[in-house]
Amino acid sequence: MITVGATVLALFPLALHGGPLWQPLCYTQIGGLAVATFITLLLVPVLYAIFVMDLKILKWETKEKQSPPGIAQVTDIAEHTAATA
């Protein structure tokens, strides 16, 4: 945010009094930074909220991995001994 703001503010004098070569370039760069910042800060979170939180189109649930029987027994024993100690 600070970098974009500093760049846009620094391009204003060049855009206003930079001559025929620099004015269109500065206007294009200011517009591109403004659009990219808008998309990043507003559009991406809104689309995330719509698709993931509201409509539940994308689901972020993970399936539990089943461990082999020997490992499950060892972890159960370790939990039991830690609970009783």
PDB file of N, CA and C in Angstrom:
ATOM      1  N   MET A   1       0.827  -1.196   0.000  1.00  0.00           N
ATOM      2  CA  MET A   1       0.000   0.000   0.000  1.00  0.00           C
ATOM      3  C   MET A   1       0.867   1.254   0.000  1.00  0.00           C
ATOM      4  N   ILE A   2       1.883   1.261   0.843  1.00  0.00           N
ATOM      5  CA  ILE A   2       2.733   2.437   0.924  1.00  0.00           C
ATOM      6  C   ILE A   2       3.520   2.603  -0.368  1.00  0.00           C
ATOM      7  N   THR A   3       3.988   1.510  -0.922  1.00  0.00           N
ATOM      8  CA  THR A   3       4.746   1.584  -2.165  1.00  0.00           C
ATOM      9  C   THR A   3       3.877   2.067  -3.314  1.00  0.00           C
ATOM     10  N   VAL A   4       2.666   1.556  -3.408  1.00  0.00           N
ATOM     11  CA  VAL A   4       1.761   1.986  -4.467  1.00  0.00           C
ATOM     12  C   VAL A   4       1.422   3.457  -4.304  1.00  0.00           C
ATOM     13  N   GLY A   5       1.119   3.871  -3.089  1.00  0.00           N
ATOM     14  CA  GLY A   5       0.800   5.280  -2.852  1.00  0.00           C
ATOM     15  C   GLY A   5       1.960   6.199  -3.172  1.00  0.00           C
ATOM     16  N   ALA A   6       3.166   5.815  -2.779  1.00  0.00           N
ATOM     17  CA  ALA A   6       4.341   6.637  -3.071  1.00  0.00           C
ATOM     18  C   ALA A   6       4.609   6.710  -4.571  1.00  0.00           C
ATOM     19  N   THR A   7       4.411   5.615  -5.257  1.00  0.00           N
ATOM     20  CA  THR A   7       4.632   5.609  -6.705  1.00  0.00           C
ATOM     21  C   THR A   7       3.621   6.487  -7.420  1.00  0.00           C
ATOM     22  N   VAL A   8       2.363   6.384  -7.037  1.00  0.00           N
ATOM     23  CA  VAL A   8       1.329   7.199  -7.672  1.00  0.00           C
ATOM     24  C   VAL A   8       1.568   8.680  -7.401  1.00  0.00           C
ATOM     25  N   LEU A   9       1.897   9.025  -6.164  1.00  0.00           N
ATOM     26  CA  LEU A   9       2.173  10.430  -5.852  1.00  0.00           C
ATOM     27  C   LEU A   9       3.406  10.949  -6.591  1.00  0.00           C
ATOM     28  N   ALA A  10       4.397  10.109  -6.762  1.00  0.00           N
ATOM     29  CA  ALA A  10       5.596  10.525  -7.471  1.00  0.00           C
ATOM     30  C   ALA A  10       5.354  10.672  -8.970  1.00  0.00           C
ATOM     31  N   LEU A  11       4.368   9.950  -9.508  1.00  0.00           N
ATOM     32  CA  LEU A  11       4.083  10.032 -10.941  1.00  0.00           C
ATOM     33  C   LEU A  11       3.200  11.223 -11.308  1.00  0.00           C
ATOM     34  N   PHE A  12       2.496  11.819 -10.352  1.00  0.00           N
ATOM     35  CA  PHE A  12       1.611  12.942 -10.667  1.00  0.00           C
ATOM     36  C   PHE A  12       2.334  14.146 -11.286  1.00  0.00           C
ATOM     37  N   PRO A  13       3.433  14.620 -10.727  1.00  0.00           N
ATOM     38  CA  PRO A  13       4.094  15.759 -11.378  1.00  0.00           C
ATOM     39  C   PRO A  13       4.573  15.445 -12.794  1.00  0.00           C
ATOM     40  N   LEU A  14       5.065  14.230 -12.983  1.00  0.00           N
ATOM     41  CA  LEU A  14       5.522  13.843 -14.310  1.00  0.00           C
ATOM     42  C   LEU A  14       4.352  13.695 -15.275  1.00  0.00           C
ATOM     43  N   ALA A  15       3.207  13.249 -14.762  1.00  0.00           N
ATOM     44  CA  ALA A  15       2.028  13.108 -15.617  1.00  0.00           C
ATOM     45  C   ALA A  15       1.466  14.469 -16.006  1.00  0.00           C
ATOM     46  N   LEU A  16       1.574  15.447 -15.124  1.00  0.00           N
ATOM     47  CA  LEU A  16       1.017  16.764 -15.422  1.00  0.00           C
ATOM     48  C   LEU A  16       1.928  17.613 -16.301  1.00  0.00           C
ATOM     49  N   HIS A  17       3.247  17.518 -16.098  1.00  0.00           N
ATOM     50  CA  HIS A  17       4.173  18.398 -16.809  1.00  0.00           C
ATOM     51  C   HIS A  17       5.331  17.631 -17.428  1.00  0.00           C
ATOM     52  N   GLY A  18       5.129  16.393 -17.793  1.00  0.00           N
ATOM     53  CA  GLY A  18       6.231  15.577 -18.268  1.00  0.00           C
ATOM     54  C   GLY A  18       6.488  15.623 -19.747  1.00  0.00           C
ATOM     55  N   GLY A  19       5.613  16.177 -20.494  1.00  0.00           N
ATOM     56  CA  GLY A  19       5.816  16.223 -21.937  1.00  0.00           C
ATOM     57  C   GLY A  19       5.007  15.146 -22.639  1.00  0.00           C
ATOM     58  N   PRO A  20       5.049  15.162 -23.964  1.00  0.00           N
ATOM     59  CA  PRO A  20       4.194  14.254 -24.747  1.00  0.00           C
ATOM     60  C   PRO A  20       4.570  12.779 -24.612  1.00  0.00           C
ATOM     61  N   LEU A  21       5.807  12.487 -24.250  1.00  0.00           N
ATOM     62  CA  LEU A  21       6.202  11.088 -24.109  1.00  0.00           C
ATOM     63  C   LEU A  21       5.832  10.521 -22.743  1.00  0.00           C
ATOM     64  N   TRP A  22       6.001  11.305 -21.701  1.00  0.00           N
ATOM     65  CA  TRP A  22       5.831  10.817 -20.347  1.00  0.00           C
ATOM     66  C   TRP A  22       4.391  10.852 -19.854  1.00  0.00           C
ATOM     67  N   GLN A  23       3.578  11.772 -20.347  1.00  0.00           N
ATOM     68  CA  GLN A  23       2.200  11.889 -19.837  1.00  0.00           C
ATOM     69  C   GLN A  23       1.375  10.623 -20.053  1.00  0.00           C
ATOM     70  N   PRO A  24       1.310  10.066 -21.257  1.00  0.00           N
ATOM     71  CA  PRO A  24       0.510   8.832 -21.413  1.00  0.00           C
ATOM     72  C   PRO A  24       1.074   7.660 -20.610  1.00  0.00           C
ATOM     73  N   LEU A  25       2.397   7.590 -20.524  1.00  0.00           N
ATOM     74  CA  LEU A  25       3.019   6.512 -19.760  1.00  0.00           C
ATOM     75  C   LEU A  25       2.661   6.612 -18.280  1.00  0.00           C
ATOM     76  N   CYS A  26       2.695   7.793 -17.728  1.00  0.00           N
ATOM     77  CA  CYS A  26       2.363   7.988 -16.317  1.00  0.00           C
ATOM     78  C   CYS A  26       0.892   7.712 -16.043  1.00  0.00           C
ATOM     79  N   TYR A  27       0.011   8.186 -16.938  1.00  0.00           N
ATOM     80  CA  TYR A  27      -1.414   7.918 -16.751  1.00  0.00           C
ATOM     81  C   TYR A  27      -1.693   6.417 -16.792  1.00  0.00           C
ATOM     82  N   THR A  28      -1.018   5.712 -17.685  1.00  0.00           N
ATOM     83  CA  THR A  28      -1.213   4.269 -17.778  1.00  0.00           C
ATOM     84  C   THR A  28      -0.713   3.568 -16.523  1.00  0.00           C
ATOM     85  N   GLN A  29       0.428   3.991 -16.036  1.00  0.00           N
ATOM     86  CA  GLN A  29       0.980   3.356 -14.837  1.00  0.00           C
ATOM     87  C   GLN A  29       0.136   3.661 -13.602  1.00  0.00           C
ATOM     88  N   ILE A  30      -0.350   4.874 -13.469  1.00  0.00           N
ATOM     89  CA  ILE A  30      -1.222   5.224 -12.340  1.00  0.00           C
ATOM     90  C   ILE A  30      -2.510   4.411 -12.402  1.00  0.00           C
ATOM     91  N   GLY A  31      -3.090   4.306 -13.576  1.00  0.00           N
ATOM     92  CA  GLY A  31      -4.321   3.524 -13.734  1.00  0.00           C
ATOM     93  C   GLY A  31      -4.105   2.045 -13.453  1.00  0.00           C
ATOM     94  N   GLY A  32      -2.997   1.508 -13.928  1.00  0.00           N
ATOM     95  CA  GLY A  32      -2.707   0.096 -13.693  1.00  0.00           C
ATOM     96  C   GLY A  32      -2.491  -0.212 -12.230  1.00  0.00           C
ATOM     97  N   LEU A  33      -1.779   0.653 -11.533  1.00  0.00           N
ATOM     98  CA  LEU A  33      -1.578   0.445 -10.094  1.00  0.00           C
ATOM     99  C   LEU A  33      -2.894   0.561  -9.327  1.00  0.00           C
ATOM    100  N   ALA A  34      -3.730   1.497  -9.723  1.00  0.00           N
ATOM    101  CA  ALA A  34      -5.020   1.659  -9.046  1.00  0.00           C
ATOM    102  C   ALA A  34      -5.914   0.434  -9.263  1.00  0.00           C
ATOM    103  N   VAL A  35      -5.959  -0.067 -10.490  1.00  0.00           N
ATOM    104  CA  VAL A  35      -6.793  -1.238 -10.787  1.00  0.00           C
ATOM    105  C   VAL A  35      -6.261  -2.480 -10.070  1.00  0.00           C
ATOM    106  N   ALA A  36      -4.945  -2.670 -10.088  1.00  0.00           N
ATOM    107  CA  ALA A  36      -4.357  -3.838  -9.424  1.00  0.00           C
ATOM    108  C   ALA A  36      -4.591  -3.798  -7.917  1.00  0.00           C
ATOM    109  N   THR A  37      -4.497  -2.611  -7.332  1.00  0.00           N
ATOM    110  CA  THR A  37      -4.749  -2.478  -5.900  1.00  0.00           C
ATOM    111  C   THR A  37      -6.213  -2.744  -5.572  1.00  0.00           C
ATOM    112  N   PHE A  38      -7.110  -2.240  -6.408  1.00  0.00           N
ATOM    113  CA  PHE A  38      -8.538  -2.490  -6.225  1.00  0.00           C
ATOM    114  C   PHE A  38      -8.842  -3.982  -6.289  1.00  0.00           C
ATOM    115  N   ILE A  39      -8.297  -4.659  -7.280  1.00  0.00           N
ATOM    116  CA  ILE A  39      -8.556  -6.094  -7.431  1.00  0.00           C
ATOM    117  C   ILE A  39      -8.006  -6.866  -6.235  1.00  0.00           C
ATOM    118  N   THR A  40      -6.800  -6.516  -5.822  1.00  0.00           N
ATOM    119  CA  THR A  40      -6.171  -7.253  -4.726  1.00  0.00           C
ATOM    120  C   THR A  40      -6.878  -7.038  -3.398  1.00  0.00           C
ATOM    121  N   LEU A  41      -7.249  -5.808  -3.102  1.00  0.00           N
ATOM    122  CA  LEU A  41      -7.782  -5.506  -1.770  1.00  0.00           C
ATOM    123  C   LEU A  41      -9.296  -5.653  -1.646  1.00  0.00           C
ATOM    124  N   LEU A  42     -10.009  -5.518  -2.732  1.00  0.00           N
ATOM    125  CA  LEU A  42     -11.468  -5.576  -2.640  1.00  0.00           C
ATOM    126  C   LEU A  42     -12.081  -6.779  -3.348  1.00  0.00           C
ATOM    127  N   LEU A  43     -11.685  -7.017  -4.577  1.00  0.00           N
ATOM    128  CA  LEU A  43     -12.355  -8.050  -5.356  1.00  0.00           C
ATOM    129  C   LEU A  43     -12.005  -9.461  -4.886  1.00  0.00           C
ATOM    130  N   VAL A  44     -10.759  -9.722  -4.576  1.00  0.00           N
ATOM    131  CA  VAL A  44     -10.354 -11.066  -4.148  1.00  0.00           C
ATOM    132  C   VAL A  44     -11.039 -11.478  -2.838  1.00  0.00           C
ATOM    133  N   PRO A  45     -11.049 -10.649  -1.785  1.00  0.00           N
ATOM    134  CA  PRO A  45     -11.767 -11.063  -0.569  1.00  0.00           C
ATOM    135  C   PRO A  45     -13.278 -11.219  -0.769  1.00  0.00           C
ATOM    136  N   VAL A  46     -13.855 -10.392  -1.615  1.00  0.00           N
ATOM    137  CA  VAL A  46     -15.298 -10.503  -1.873  1.00  0.00           C
ATOM    138  C   VAL A  46     -15.606 -11.811  -2.590  1.00  0.00           C
ATOM    139  N   LEU A  47     -14.821 -12.151  -3.594  1.00  0.00           N
ATOM    140  CA  LEU A  47     -15.048 -13.418  -4.299  1.00  0.00           C
ATOM    141  C   LEU A  47     -14.811 -14.611  -3.373  1.00  0.00           C
ATOM    142  N   TYR A  48     -13.817 -14.523  -2.509  1.00  0.00           N
ATOM    143  CA  TYR A  48     -13.582 -15.588  -1.532  1.00  0.00           C
ATOM    144  C   TYR A  48     -14.786 -15.742  -0.612  1.00  0.00           C
ATOM    145  N   ALA A  49     -15.308 -14.628  -0.136  1.00  0.00           N
ATOM    146  CA  ALA A  49     -16.461 -14.684   0.761  1.00  0.00           C
ATOM    147  C   ALA A  49     -17.676 -15.258   0.059  1.00  0.00           C
ATOM    148  N   ILE A  50     -17.862 -14.921  -1.200  1.00  0.00           N
ATOM    149  CA  ILE A  50     -19.024 -15.423  -1.934  1.00  0.00           C
ATOM    150  C   ILE A  50     -18.908 -16.922  -2.176  1.00  0.00           C
ATOM    151  N   PHE A  51     -17.775 -17.365  -2.692  1.00  0.00           N
ATOM    152  CA  PHE A  51     -17.668 -18.754  -3.108  1.00  0.00           C
ATOM    153  C   PHE A  51     -17.400 -19.715  -1.958  1.00  0.00           C
ATOM    154  N   VAL A  52     -16.627 -19.332  -0.986  1.00  0.00           N
ATOM    155  CA  VAL A  52     -16.252 -20.274   0.071  1.00  0.00           C
ATOM    156  C   VAL A  52     -17.170 -20.157   1.277  1.00  0.00           C
ATOM    157  N   MET A  53     -17.479 -18.951   1.694  1.00  0.00           N
ATOM    158  CA  MET A  53     -18.217 -18.782   2.935  1.00  0.00           C
ATOM    159  C   MET A  53     -19.733 -18.806   2.728  1.00  0.00           C
ATOM    160  N   ASP A  54     -20.245 -18.118   1.736  1.00  0.00           N
ATOM    161  CA  ASP A  54     -21.686 -17.996   1.584  1.00  0.00           C
ATOM    162  C   ASP A  54     -22.304 -19.150   0.802  1.00  0.00           C
ATOM    163  N   LEU A  55     -21.793 -19.408  -0.401  1.00  0.00           N
ATOM    164  CA  LEU A  55     -22.425 -20.385  -1.269  1.00  0.00           C
ATOM    165  C   LEU A  55     -21.951 -21.814  -1.038  1.00  0.00           C
ATOM    166  N   LYS A  56     -20.864 -21.951  -0.323  1.00  0.00           N
ATOM    167  CA  LYS A  56     -20.287 -23.266  -0.044  1.00  0.00           C
ATOM    168  C   LYS A  56     -20.003 -24.040  -1.333  1.00  0.00           C
ATOM    169  N   ILE A  57     -19.599 -23.316  -2.382  1.00  0.00           N
ATOM    170  CA  ILE A  57     -19.257 -23.982  -3.639  1.00  0.00           C
ATOM    171  C   ILE A  57     -17.950 -24.752  -3.474  1.00  0.00           C
ATOM    172  N   LEU A  58     -16.977 -24.130  -2.851  1.00  0.00           N
ATOM    173  CA  LEU A  58     -15.706 -24.792  -2.577  1.00  0.00           C
ATOM    174  C   LEU A  58     -15.703 -25.251  -1.133  1.00  0.00           C
ATOM    175  N   LYS A  59     -15.318 -26.475  -0.927  1.00  0.00           N
ATOM    176  CA  LYS A  59     -15.277 -27.007   0.433  1.00  0.00           C
ATOM    177  C   LYS A  59     -13.826 -27.289   0.796  1.00  0.00           C
ATOM    178  N   TRP A  60     -13.437 -26.833   1.974  1.00  0.00           N
ATOM    179  CA  TRP A  60     -12.063 -26.970   2.418  1.00  0.00           C
ATOM    180  C   TRP A  60     -11.931 -28.049   3.483  1.00  0.00           C
ATOM    181  N   GLU A  61     -12.796 -29.018   3.453  1.00  0.00           N
ATOM    182  CA  GLU A  61     -12.729 -30.084   4.432  1.00  0.00           C
ATOM    183  C   GLU A  61     -11.675 -31.100   4.002  1.00  0.00           C
ATOM    184  N   THR A  62     -10.971 -31.630   4.971  1.00  0.00           N
ATOM    185  CA  THR A  62      -9.969 -32.653   4.659  1.00  0.00           C
ATOM    186  C   THR A  62     -10.417 -33.977   5.245  1.00  0.00           C
ATOM    187  N   LYS A  63     -10.056 -35.014   4.555  1.00  0.00           N
ATOM    188  CA  LYS A  63     -10.386 -36.349   5.037  1.00  0.00           C
ATOM    189  C   LYS A  63      -9.285 -36.794   5.997  1.00  0.00           C
ATOM    190  N   GLU A  64      -9.687 -37.484   7.037  1.00  0.00           N
ATOM    191  CA  GLU A  64      -8.705 -37.983   7.991  1.00  0.00           C
ATOM    192  C   GLU A  64      -7.987 -39.176   7.382  1.00  0.00           C
ATOM    193  N   LYS A  65      -6.684 -39.160   7.548  1.00  0.00           N
ATOM    194  CA  LYS A  65      -5.890 -40.280   7.046  1.00  0.00           C
ATOM    195  C   LYS A  65      -5.928 -41.409   8.071  1.00  0.00           C
ATOM    196  N   GLN A  66      -6.146 -42.603   7.580  1.00  0.00           N
ATOM    197  CA  GLN A  66      -6.157 -43.750   8.477  1.00  0.00           C
ATOM    198  C   GLN A  66      -4.732 -44.271   8.604  1.00  0.00           C
ATOM    199  N   SER A  67      -4.290 -44.387   9.821  1.00  0.00           N
ATOM    200  CA  SER A  67      -2.942 -44.883  10.048  1.00  0.00           C
ATOM    201  C   SER A  67      -2.981 -46.403  10.163  1.00  0.00           C
ATOM    202  N   PRO A  68      -1.867 -47.028   9.908  1.00  0.00           N
ATOM    203  CA  PRO A  68      -1.822 -48.489  10.066  1.00  0.00           C
ATOM    204  C   PRO A  68      -2.142 -48.885  11.501  1.00  0.00           C
ATOM    205  N   PRO A  69      -2.653 -50.082  11.723  1.00  0.00           N
ATOM    206  CA  PRO A  69      -3.087 -50.489  13.067  1.00  0.00           C
ATOM    207  C   PRO A  69      -1.988 -50.410  14.120  1.00  0.00           C
ATOM    208  N   GLY A  70      -0.758 -50.732  13.790  1.00  0.00           N
ATOM    209  CA  GLY A  70       0.320 -50.707  14.775  1.00  0.00           C
ATOM    210  C   GLY A  70       0.573 -49.296  15.285  1.00  0.00           C
ATOM    211  N   ILE A  71       0.527 -48.307  14.419  1.00  0.00           N
ATOM    212  CA  ILE A  71       0.787 -46.922  14.823  1.00  0.00           C
ATOM    213  C   ILE A  71      -0.349 -46.405  15.697  1.00  0.00           C
ATOM    214  N   ALA A  72      -1.573 -46.739  15.361  1.00  0.00           N
ATOM    215  CA  ALA A  72      -2.709 -46.291  16.160  1.00  0.00           C
ATOM    216  C   ALA A  72      -2.632 -46.867  17.571  1.00  0.00           C
ATOM    217  N   GLN A  73      -2.213 -48.121  17.682  1.00  0.00           N
ATOM    218  CA  GLN A  73      -2.111 -48.731  18.997  1.00  0.00           C
ATOM    219  C   GLN A  73      -1.018 -48.075  19.823  1.00  0.00           C
ATOM    220  N   VAL A  74       0.091 -47.720  19.200  1.00  0.00           N
ATOM    221  CA  VAL A  74       1.190 -47.081  19.923  1.00  0.00           C
ATOM    222  C   VAL A  74       0.760 -45.712  20.421  1.00  0.00           C
ATOM    223  N   THR A  75       0.056 -44.947  19.589  1.00  0.00           N
ATOM    224  CA  THR A  75      -0.379 -43.620  20.020  1.00  0.00           C
ATOM    225  C   THR A  75      -1.427 -43.729  21.119  1.00  0.00           C
ATOM    226  N   ASP A  76      -2.296 -44.729  21.042  1.00  0.00           N
ATOM    227  CA  ASP A  76      -3.279 -44.909  22.107  1.00  0.00           C
ATOM    228  C   ASP A  76      -2.593 -45.234  23.436  1.00  0.00           C
ATOM    229  N   ILE A  77      -1.555 -46.068  23.384  1.00  0.00           N
ATOM    230  CA  ILE A  77      -0.838 -46.418  24.607  1.00  0.00           C
ATOM    231  C   ILE A  77      -0.121 -45.180  25.164  1.00  0.00           C
ATOM    232  N   ALA A  78       0.482 -44.375  24.264  1.00  0.00           N
ATOM    233  CA  ALA A  78       1.194 -43.183  24.712  1.00  0.00           C
ATOM    234  C   ALA A  78       0.220 -42.172  25.330  1.00  0.00           C
ATOM    235  N   GLU A  79      -0.950 -42.022  24.746  1.00  0.00           N
ATOM    236  CA  GLU A  79      -1.945 -41.116  25.309  1.00  0.00           C
ATOM    237  C   GLU A  79      -2.433 -41.620  26.669  1.00  0.00           C
ATOM    238  N   HIS A  80      -2.616 -42.917  26.781  1.00  0.00           N
ATOM    239  CA  HIS A  80      -3.098 -43.491  28.028  1.00  0.00           C
ATOM    240  C   HIS A  80      -2.072 -43.318  29.139  1.00  0.00           C
ATOM    241  N   THR A  81      -0.811 -43.549  28.835  1.00  0.00           N
ATOM    242  CA  THR A  81       0.220 -43.401  29.860  1.00  0.00           C
ATOM    243  C   THR A  81       0.405 -41.939  30.241  1.00  0.00           C
ATOM    244  N   ALA A  82       0.257 -41.016  29.281  1.00  0.00           N
ATOM    245  CA  ALA A  82       0.399 -39.593  29.596  1.00  0.00           C
ATOM    246  C   ALA A  82      -0.771 -39.110  30.454  1.00  0.00           C
ATOM    247  N   ALA A  83      -1.960 -39.661  30.221  1.00  0.00           N
ATOM    248  CA  ALA A  83      -3.125 -39.259  30.980  1.00  0.00           C
ATOM    249  C   ALA A  83      -3.081 -39.779  32.415  1.00  0.00           C
ATOM    250  N   THR A  84      -2.517 -40.954  32.599  1.00  0.00           N
ATOM    251  CA  THR A  84      -2.488 -41.525  33.950  1.00  0.00           C
ATOM    252  C   THR A  84      -1.294 -41.032  34.752  1.00  0.00           C
ATOM    253  N   ALA A  85      -0.315 -40.458  34.112  1.00  0.00           N
ATOM    254  CA  ALA A  85       0.901 -40.009  34.854  1.00  0.00           C
ATOM    255  C   ALA A  85       0.674 -38.717  35.570  1.00  0.00           C
TER     256      ALA A  85
END
